[in-house]
Protein backbone atom coordinates (compact mmCIF):
# COMPACT_ATOMS: atom_id res chain seq x y z
CA MET A 1 51.11 101.46 168.52
CA LEU A 2 52.45 104.35 168.30
CA LEU A 3 54.07 103.79 171.56
CA TRP A 4 55.36 100.80 170.73
CA MET A 5 57.07 102.84 167.59
CA LEU A 6 58.16 105.57 168.92
CA ALA A 7 60.13 103.27 171.52
CA ARG A 8 61.69 101.28 168.53
CA GLY A 9 63.07 104.92 167.29
CA THR A 10 60.37 105.38 164.65
CA PRO A 11 59.40 109.19 164.25
CA LEU A 12 56.19 110.96 165.04
CA PRO A 13 54.05 111.71 162.09
CA THR A 14 54.42 115.22 160.21
CA ALA A 15 51.38 117.46 160.56
CA ARG A 16 50.88 116.33 157.28
CA GLN A 17 51.15 113.03 157.33
CA TRP A 18 48.49 113.61 160.21
CA ARG A 19 46.15 115.17 157.76
CA SER A 20 46.41 112.28 155.98
CA ALA A 21 45.72 109.71 158.84
CA PHE A 22 42.43 111.89 159.44
CA LEU A 23 41.62 112.24 155.97
CA VAL A 24 42.09 108.33 155.74
CA ALA A 25 39.78 107.57 159.10
CA LEU A 26 36.88 109.37 158.15
CA PRO A 27 35.66 106.37 155.67
CA ILE A 28 37.38 103.62 157.11
CA PHE A 29 36.66 104.06 160.94
CA LEU A 30 33.71 106.69 161.48
CA LEU A 31 31.58 105.77 158.03
CA ASN A 32 32.48 102.04 157.78
CA TYR A 33 32.94 101.13 161.22
CA GLY A 34 30.04 103.36 162.35
CA LEU A 35 27.77 102.23 160.42
CA VAL A 36 28.73 98.31 160.96
CA PHE A 37 28.21 98.78 164.92
CA TRP A 38 24.95 100.57 163.87
CA ALA A 39 23.27 97.47 161.53
CA GLU A 40 25.01 94.94 164.22
CA THR A 41 22.26 96.26 166.79
CA ARG A 42 19.68 95.50 164.16
CA ILE A 43 20.87 92.45 162.24
CA ALA A 44 22.53 88.94 162.47
CA SER A 45 26.79 89.32 163.38
CA GLY A 46 26.62 86.44 160.00
CA VAL A 47 25.04 88.18 157.90
CA THR A 48 26.65 91.85 158.11
CA ALA A 49 29.94 89.90 157.30
CA VAL A 50 28.61 88.76 153.99
CA MET A 51 27.04 92.37 153.56
CA GLN A 52 30.55 93.80 154.36
CA ALA A 53 31.98 91.46 151.43
CA MET A 54 30.98 93.35 148.98
CA ILE A 55 34.04 95.59 149.59
CA PRO A 56 36.44 93.89 147.30
CA ALA A 57 33.36 94.83 144.16
CA PHE A 58 34.15 98.51 145.72
CA ILE A 59 36.98 98.46 146.03
CA VAL A 60 38.14 97.35 141.96
CA LEU A 61 35.17 99.99 141.24
CA ALA A 62 37.16 102.77 143.29
CA GLU A 63 40.51 100.96 141.94
CA ILE A 64 38.88 101.63 138.23
CA THR A 65 37.77 105.29 138.92
CA MET A 66 40.41 106.22 141.42
CA LEU A 67 43.80 105.05 140.45
CA GLY A 68 43.08 103.90 137.22
CA THR A 69 45.27 100.10 138.06
CA GLN A 70 42.08 98.41 136.98
CA ARG A 71 40.04 97.79 133.58
CA LEU A 72 36.61 97.04 132.86
CA SER A 73 36.06 93.44 132.01
CA TRP A 74 33.22 91.01 131.15
CA ARG A 75 34.75 88.64 134.07
CA LEU A 76 35.05 91.50 136.02
CA ALA A 77 31.31 92.97 135.18
CA GLY A 78 29.80 89.54 135.99
CA GLY A 79 32.10 88.98 139.70
CA LEU A 80 30.73 92.47 140.72
CA ALA A 81 26.92 91.25 139.40
CA LEU A 82 26.89 88.25 141.14
CA GLY A 83 28.06 89.95 144.60
CA LEU A 84 25.15 92.12 143.92
CA ALA A 85 22.77 89.16 143.11
CA GLY A 86 24.27 88.03 146.46
CA VAL A 87 22.69 91.37 148.67
CA PHE A 88 19.41 91.22 146.52
CA VAL A 89 19.28 87.44 148.09
CA LEU A 90 19.53 88.72 151.08
CA VAL A 91 17.02 91.56 151.30
CA SER A 92 14.28 90.53 148.76
CA ASP A 93 11.17 89.21 150.59
CA SER A 94 9.96 87.78 146.70
CA LEU A 95 12.01 84.58 146.49
CA GLY A 96 10.31 83.00 148.68
CA LEU A 97 13.54 81.40 150.35
CA GLY A 98 11.66 80.96 154.45
CA SER A 99 13.57 83.03 156.32
CA ALA A 100 12.90 86.75 156.96
CA PRO A 101 14.87 89.00 154.83
CA VAL A 102 17.20 91.54 155.87
CA ASP A 103 15.99 94.91 157.46
CA MET A 104 16.56 97.22 154.04
CA VAL A 105 17.57 100.38 155.70
CA SER A 106 20.36 98.52 157.55
CA ALA A 107 21.79 96.49 154.63
CA ALA A 108 21.99 100.22 152.50
CA ALA A 109 23.85 101.56 155.46
CA LEU A 110 26.16 98.28 154.83
CA LEU A 111 26.40 99.35 151.26
CA VAL A 112 27.36 102.69 152.10
CA ALA A 113 30.01 100.99 154.97
CA SER A 114 31.21 99.17 152.15
CA SER A 115 32.33 101.47 149.62
CA SER A 116 33.59 103.93 152.11
CA TRP A 117 36.07 101.75 153.68
CA ALA A 118 37.03 101.13 149.60
CA VAL A 119 37.68 104.87 149.36
CA GLY A 120 39.94 104.79 152.67
CA SER A 121 41.68 101.99 151.09
CA MET A 122 42.32 104.29 147.84
CA LEU A 123 43.20 107.21 150.26
CA THR A 124 45.64 105.54 151.57
CA ARG A 125 47.77 104.76 148.16
CA LYS A 126 47.41 108.63 147.11
CA LEU A 127 48.04 110.63 150.55
CA PRO A 128 51.07 110.92 152.56
CA LEU A 129 51.80 108.59 155.48
CA PRO A 130 54.53 107.60 157.15
CA ALA A 131 56.76 104.93 155.43
CA SER A 132 56.83 102.94 158.41
CA LYS A 133 53.40 100.56 158.26
CA ALA A 134 52.96 100.48 161.70
CA MET A 135 53.77 103.78 162.50
CA SER A 136 50.92 104.84 159.84
CA SER A 137 48.33 102.02 161.19
CA GLY A 138 48.52 103.24 164.64
CA ALA A 139 48.30 107.09 162.80
CA GLN A 140 44.94 105.97 161.26
CA MET A 141 43.54 104.24 164.50
CA LEU A 142 44.08 106.68 166.26
CA ALA A 143 42.74 109.07 164.20
CA GLY A 144 39.51 106.95 163.86
CA GLY A 145 39.31 106.44 167.60
CA VAL A 146 38.71 110.37 167.68
CA TRP A 147 36.23 110.30 164.62
CA LEU A 148 33.68 107.50 166.67
CA SER A 149 34.61 109.41 170.05
CA LEU A 150 33.12 112.32 168.76
CA ALA A 151 30.22 110.98 166.86
CA ALA A 152 29.43 108.62 170.03
CA LEU A 153 29.67 112.29 172.26
CA ALA A 154 27.60 114.29 169.63
CA LEU A 155 25.20 111.48 169.64
CA GLY A 156 24.60 111.52 172.92
CA GLU A 157 25.86 108.48 173.46
CA THR A 158 27.62 108.84 176.57
CA ARG A 159 24.93 110.14 178.88
CA GLY A 160 24.40 107.26 181.33
CA PHE A 161 26.95 104.94 180.02
CA ASP A 162 28.63 103.14 183.12
CA PRO A 163 31.60 100.77 182.83
CA ARG A 164 30.59 98.73 185.50
CA ALA A 165 27.67 98.15 184.15
CA VAL A 166 29.62 96.42 181.35
CA SER A 167 30.17 92.36 181.55
CA ALA A 168 33.05 90.70 181.94
CA ASP A 169 32.31 88.64 178.39
CA ALA A 170 32.05 91.94 176.50
CA TRP A 171 35.83 93.21 178.02
CA LEU A 172 37.25 90.49 176.54
CA ALA A 173 35.56 90.69 173.55
CA LEU A 174 36.74 94.24 173.23
CA LEU A 175 40.06 93.22 174.03
CA TYR A 176 40.39 90.37 171.45
CA LEU A 177 39.33 93.13 169.00
CA VAL A 178 41.44 95.45 170.20
CA VAL A 179 44.70 93.04 169.94
CA ALA A 180 43.74 90.57 167.21
CA GLY A 181 41.00 93.27 164.56
CA SER A 182 43.15 95.95 165.00
CA ILE A 183 46.53 96.27 165.96
CA LEU A 184 47.08 92.64 163.94
CA ALA A 185 44.99 92.20 161.10
CA PHE A 186 44.34 96.34 160.45
CA THR A 187 48.24 96.50 160.39
CA ALA A 188 48.33 93.67 158.00
CA TYR A 189 45.94 95.49 156.00
CA ILE A 190 47.73 98.27 155.85
CA TRP A 191 51.32 96.59 154.57
CA LEU A 192 49.41 94.55 152.12
CA LEU A 193 48.05 97.56 150.32
CA SER A 194 51.42 98.84 149.54
CA HIS A 195 52.56 95.27 148.28
CA ASP A 196 49.28 93.75 146.28
CA SER A 197 46.72 95.35 144.27
CA PRO A 198 43.64 96.97 146.23
CA THR A 199 41.44 94.21 144.50
CA ARG A 200 43.14 91.27 145.70
CA VAL A 201 43.80 92.39 149.37
CA GLY A 202 40.56 93.33 149.61
CA THR A 203 38.90 89.98 148.95
CA TYR A 204 39.84 89.50 152.99
CA ALA A 205 36.61 90.55 152.78
CA TYR A 206 35.16 86.69 151.23
CA VAL A 207 36.41 84.72 154.00
CA ASN A 208 35.18 86.79 156.73
CA PRO A 209 31.41 86.06 155.98
CA VAL A 210 32.13 81.95 156.17
CA VAL A 211 33.78 82.18 159.82
CA ALA A 212 31.25 84.77 161.02
CA VAL A 213 28.46 82.97 159.63
CA LEU A 214 29.59 79.74 161.43
CA LEU A 215 30.66 81.67 164.43
CA GLY A 216 26.95 83.54 164.89
CA TYR A 217 25.56 79.58 164.72
CA PHE A 218 28.00 77.42 167.25
CA ALA A 219 28.10 80.58 169.56
CA ALA A 220 25.89 83.16 169.22
CA GLY A 221 22.89 80.83 167.87
CA GLU A 222 22.43 82.60 165.33
CA PRO A 223 20.40 80.56 162.09
CA ILE A 224 21.33 79.38 159.02
CA GLY A 225 18.71 79.96 156.87
CA ILE A 226 18.58 79.57 153.04
CA ARG A 227 18.61 82.54 152.24
CA THR A 228 22.00 83.07 154.28
CA VAL A 229 23.34 80.11 151.96
CA ALA A 230 22.46 81.48 149.15
CA GLY A 231 23.38 84.98 149.30
CA MET A 232 27.29 83.52 150.56
CA GLY A 233 27.63 81.46 147.92
CA CYS A 234 26.85 84.21 145.39
CA VAL A 235 29.45 86.72 147.12
CA LEU A 236 31.58 83.58 147.54
CA LEU A 237 31.77 82.45 143.53
CA SER A 238 32.18 86.14 142.75
CA VAL A 239 35.11 86.48 144.35
CA LEU A 240 36.39 83.63 142.73
CA LEU A 241 35.37 85.13 139.48
CA ILE A 242 37.44 88.33 140.19
CA THR A 243 40.61 86.65 142.37
CA THR A 244 41.26 84.05 139.14
CA MET A 245 40.69 86.51 136.62
CA ARG A 246 44.24 87.90 135.40
CA LYS A 247 44.88 91.36 135.91
CA PRO A 248 44.26 93.62 132.40
CA ALA A 249 47.18 95.94 131.23
CA VAL A 250 46.51 99.64 131.54
CA PRO A 251 48.78 102.33 129.39
C-alpha cells in the first residue's frame, strides 16, 4: 500500500503521523487481531465472528464517551442489551441449549478485542493521520504488523517455525486475507470512518457472523446448533435497533 501510494506521488506520513499510526495500531491490530487469532485456536470461527459482532456496541459507547457525538437513548440501550444477551446465550451453560457453551476465557478475550477495536476507531478520528485514506491505511497496517511481529518474538512463536511446513492452502488463505481482508476491506473501513458516523460504520460486524457461520458449516464442518443461532439472532436484532434509530442531536 505504501509503495503503491508513493508511486502515485503521495508523500510519506510525517513523524507525527507515524506516531499516530502506531498508537492506533496498538488497540486495532495487537489487541484486537492478536486476541482474535488466539481465541480462534480454542473456539469455532463462526462463533468468533458472532462475538466480534459486539464491536458496534462498543463503538457506540466509545462514541458517547470519547467523541461526544452520540447520546444514549432507550432504544440504543435496548440494542446494546440485546447484543450482550447474545453473548450470554453463547457462554451460558444453564440455558439447556444442548451444545457446549463457548469457553469463557476465549469469550472474555474477544470482548476485550472488540472494545479495543472500538477505541482504535475513535482514535482515527482524533489523531493526526495522513489525509490520503489509502496512505493512512497502509501506515496503520504496517504499524500493526510491527506490533504483532514484536509480540510473536516476545512470546517465542518464531522458534521452530518452518515456512516449508505451511500448506499451500494456508498460504492461499493468507494471500486472500492480505488482498481482500486488509488492502480492500480495511482501507474501505478507514475511508468510511471519515465519511459517516463510527456507530453506523461499525455495523459491518453484524454481517460477518452470518457469512462466517455459513462458511464454517459448509467449508469447515463446524456445527450450527440452537446456541449459535440464538446468539446470532440476538446480535442481528440489536443492530436492527441501532441502525434504524434516528441519531439524537448533540448540543
